[in-house]
Amino acid sequence: TTMITAYSRHEHSEDAFKLLQQMQEEGVKPDTVTFTGILNACAVPDALAFCKLVHSYIVYRGFEIDVGVGNVLVNVYGKCGSVKDAHGMFANMHIRNVVSWNVMIA
């Protein structure tokens, strides 16, 4: 997870994705920090399809209810250029905090 976050912060998205895949192959289950890191790696306009794929996996793993993960999803959808998906995620969040509102406003 630390390496995924580091790769994401330093714009090495492909390496972050490879590590997530390796984690899965080795049976290591991702957590909220892992999902936050991998989502930040796909916060670019041409990665919307991958963002949606990660979002589906987040739902499958039951992490969509986490307000932090939800906030990152809203932010990433916005950075991918999909205001519709960002608003949809925001509208479906069961719990929102000040960060949620700030991300949606920005």
C-alpha atoms as a PDB file:
ATOM      1  CA  THR A   1       0.000   0.000   0.000  1.00  0.00           C
ATOM      2  CA  THR A   2       2.811   2.426   0.825  1.00  0.00           C
ATOM      3  CA  MET A   3       4.455   1.759  -2.512  1.00  0.00           C
ATOM      4  CA  ILE A   4       1.166   2.230  -4.388  1.00  0.00           C
ATOM      5  CA  THR A   5       0.710   5.602  -2.695  1.00  0.00           C
ATOM      6  CA  ALA A   6       4.315   6.604  -3.417  1.00  0.00           C
ATOM      7  CA  TYR A   7       4.023   5.632  -7.085  1.00  0.00           C
ATOM      8  CA  SER A   8       0.758   7.550  -7.343  1.00  0.00           C
ATOM      9  CA  ARG A   9       2.239  10.694  -5.814  1.00  0.00           C
ATOM     10  CA  HIS A  10       5.191  10.613  -8.188  1.00  0.00           C
ATOM     11  CA  GLU A  11       3.116  10.041 -11.331  1.00  0.00           C
ATOM     12  CA  HIS A  12       4.079   6.393 -11.828  1.00  0.00           C
ATOM     13  CA  SER A  13       0.510   5.205 -12.366  1.00  0.00           C
ATOM     14  CA  GLU A  14       1.430   2.055 -14.262  1.00  0.00           C
ATOM     15  CA  ASP A  15       3.700   0.894 -11.444  1.00  0.00           C
ATOM     16  CA  ALA A  16       0.913   1.560  -8.914  1.00  0.00           C
ATOM     17  CA  PHE A  17      -1.521  -0.504 -10.990  1.00  0.00           C
ATOM     18  CA  LYS A  18       0.998  -3.343 -11.289  1.00  0.00           C
ATOM     19  CA  LEU A  19       1.433  -3.431  -7.523  1.00  0.00           C
ATOM     20  CA  LEU A  20      -2.320  -3.596  -6.978  1.00  0.00           C
ATOM     21  CA  GLN A  21      -2.471  -6.501  -9.382  1.00  0.00           C
ATOM     22  CA  GLN A  22       0.431  -8.206  -7.599  1.00  0.00           C
ATOM     23  CA  MET A  23      -1.317  -7.713  -4.236  1.00  0.00           C
ATOM     24  CA  GLN A  24      -4.410  -9.431  -5.591  1.00  0.00           C
ATOM     25  CA  GLU A  25      -2.406 -12.287  -7.087  1.00  0.00           C
ATOM     26  CA  GLU A  26      -0.757 -12.877  -3.703  1.00  0.00           C
ATOM     27  CA  GLY A  27      -4.081 -12.818  -1.868  1.00  0.00           C
ATOM     28  CA  VAL A  28      -3.488  -9.532  -0.050  1.00  0.00           C
ATOM     29  CA  LYS A  29      -6.749  -7.654   0.366  1.00  0.00           C
ATOM     30  CA  PRO A  30      -6.686  -3.909  -0.271  1.00  0.00           C
ATOM     31  CA  ASP A  31      -7.889  -1.463   2.376  1.00  0.00           C
ATOM     32  CA  THR A  32      -9.035   2.161   2.317  1.00  0.00           C
ATOM     33  CA  VAL A  33      -5.467   3.428   2.052  1.00  0.00           C
ATOM     34  CA  THR A  34      -4.812   1.148  -0.906  1.00  0.00           C
ATOM     35  CA  PHE A  35      -7.933   2.355  -2.687  1.00  0.00           C
ATOM     36  CA  THR A  36      -7.115   5.989  -1.992  1.00  0.00           C
ATOM     37  CA  GLY A  37      -3.651   5.522  -3.464  1.00  0.00           C
ATOM     38  CA  ILE A  38      -4.788   3.682  -6.561  1.00  0.00           C
ATOM     39  CA  LEU A  39      -7.603   6.168  -7.200  1.00  0.00           C
ATOM     40  CA  ASN A  40      -5.163   9.060  -7.002  1.00  0.00           C
ATOM     41  CA  ALA A  41      -3.068   7.275  -9.624  1.00  0.00           C
ATOM     42  CA  CYS A  42      -5.980   7.446 -12.056  1.00  0.00           C
ATOM     43  CA  ALA A  43      -6.919  11.092 -11.433  1.00  0.00           C
ATOM     44  CA  VAL A  44      -6.219  12.131 -15.010  1.00  0.00           C
ATOM     45  CA  PRO A  45      -8.641  12.808 -17.887  1.00  0.00           C
ATOM     46  CA  ASP A  46      -7.796   9.705 -19.918  1.00  0.00           C
ATOM     47  CA  ALA A  47      -8.248   7.278 -17.013  1.00  0.00           C
ATOM     48  CA  LEU A  48     -12.017   7.485 -16.523  1.00  0.00           C
ATOM     49  CA  ALA A  49     -12.611   3.882 -17.613  1.00  0.00           C
ATOM     50  CA  PHE A  50      -9.995   2.604 -15.154  1.00  0.00           C
ATOM     51  CA  CYS A  51     -11.441   4.794 -12.404  1.00  0.00           C
ATOM     52  CA  LYS A  52     -14.842   3.201 -12.989  1.00  0.00           C
ATOM     53  CA  LEU A  53     -13.274  -0.246 -12.874  1.00  0.00           C
ATOM     54  CA  VAL A  54     -11.599   0.543  -9.544  1.00  0.00           C
ATOM     55  CA  HIS A  55     -14.890   2.008  -8.287  1.00  0.00           C
ATOM     56  CA  SER A  56     -16.653  -1.266  -9.148  1.00  0.00           C
ATOM     57  CA  TYR A  57     -14.007  -3.188  -7.218  1.00  0.00           C
ATOM     58  CA  ILE A  58     -14.429  -0.806  -4.264  1.00  0.00           C
ATOM     59  CA  VAL A  59     -18.165  -1.514  -4.260  1.00  0.00           C
ATOM     60  CA  TYR A  60     -17.481  -5.260  -4.503  1.00  0.00           C
ATOM     61  CA  ARG A  61     -15.129  -5.073  -1.511  1.00  0.00           C
ATOM     62  CA  GLY A  62     -17.632  -2.992   0.494  1.00  0.00           C
ATOM     63  CA  PHE A  63     -15.520   0.149   0.859  1.00  0.00           C
ATOM     64  CA  GLU A  64     -17.838   2.579  -0.931  1.00  0.00           C
ATOM     65  CA  ILE A  65     -19.510   3.433   2.376  1.00  0.00           C
ATOM     66  CA  ASP A  66     -16.222   4.821   3.742  1.00  0.00           C
ATOM     67  CA  VAL A  67     -16.500   8.626   3.640  1.00  0.00           C
ATOM     68  CA  GLY A  68     -12.781   9.012   2.847  1.00  0.00           C
ATOM     69  CA  VAL A  69     -12.980   6.665  -0.124  1.00  0.00           C
ATOM     70  CA  GLY A  70     -16.176   8.376  -1.258  1.00  0.00           C
ATOM     71  CA  ASN A  71     -14.473  11.767  -1.096  1.00  0.00           C
ATOM     72  CA  VAL A  72     -11.574  10.508  -3.189  1.00  0.00           C
ATOM     73  CA  LEU A  73     -13.981   9.025  -5.748  1.00  0.00           C
ATOM     74  CA  VAL A  74     -15.797  12.360  -6.097  1.00  0.00           C
ATOM     75  CA  ASN A  75     -12.466  14.145  -6.500  1.00  0.00           C
ATOM     76  CA  VAL A  76     -11.073  11.664  -9.004  1.00  0.00           C
ATOM     77  CA  TYR A  77     -14.209  11.655 -11.143  1.00  0.00           C
ATOM     78  CA  GLY A  78     -13.945  15.428 -11.264  1.00  0.00           C
ATOM     79  CA  LYS A  79     -10.281  15.272 -12.266  1.00  0.00           C
ATOM     80  CA  CYS A  80     -11.173  12.730 -14.940  1.00  0.00           C
ATOM     81  CA  GLY A  81     -13.586  15.288 -16.363  1.00  0.00           C
ATOM     82  CA  SER A  82     -16.791  13.469 -15.422  1.00  0.00           C
ATOM     83  CA  VAL A  83     -18.871  15.936 -13.423  1.00  0.00           C
ATOM     84  CA  LYS A  84     -21.858  13.623 -13.886  1.00  0.00           C
ATOM     85  CA  ASP A  85     -20.080  10.713 -12.163  1.00  0.00           C
ATOM     86  CA  ALA A  86     -18.680  13.014  -9.451  1.00  0.00           C
ATOM     87  CA  HIS A  87     -22.157  14.351  -8.696  1.00  0.00           C
ATOM     88  CA  GLY A  88     -23.659  10.868  -8.810  1.00  0.00           C
ATOM     89  CA  MET A  89     -21.099   9.590  -6.311  1.00  0.00           C
ATOM     90  CA  PHE A  90     -21.646  12.603  -4.065  1.00  0.00           C
ATOM     91  CA  ALA A  91     -25.438  12.213  -4.204  1.00  0.00           C
ATOM     92  CA  ASN A  92     -25.189   8.531  -3.249  1.00  0.00           C
ATOM     93  CA  MET A  93     -22.842   9.043  -0.296  1.00  0.00           C
ATOM     94  CA  HIS A  94     -24.620   7.969   2.901  1.00  0.00           C
ATOM     95  CA  ILE A  95     -22.270  10.043   5.034  1.00  0.00           C
ATOM     96  CA  ARG A  96     -20.792  13.374   3.983  1.00  0.00           C
ATOM     97  CA  ASN A  97     -18.420  15.655   5.824  1.00  0.00           C
ATOM     98  CA  VAL A  98     -16.944  19.088   5.144  1.00  0.00           C
ATOM     99  CA  VAL A  99     -14.354  17.488   2.859  1.00  0.00           C
ATOM    100  CA  SER A 100     -17.143  15.935   0.796  1.00  0.00           C
ATOM    101  CA  TRP A 101     -18.759  19.312   0.272  1.00  0.00           C
ATOM    102  CA  ASN A 102     -15.439  21.036  -0.474  1.00  0.00           C
ATOM    103  CA  VAL A 103     -14.492  18.407  -3.042  1.00  0.00           C
ATOM    104  CA  MET A 104     -17.856  18.742  -4.763  1.00  0.00           C
ATOM    105  CA  ILE A 105     -17.661  22.544  -4.783  1.00  0.00           C
ATOM    106  CA  ALA A 106     -14.118  22.528  -6.164  1.00  0.00           C
END
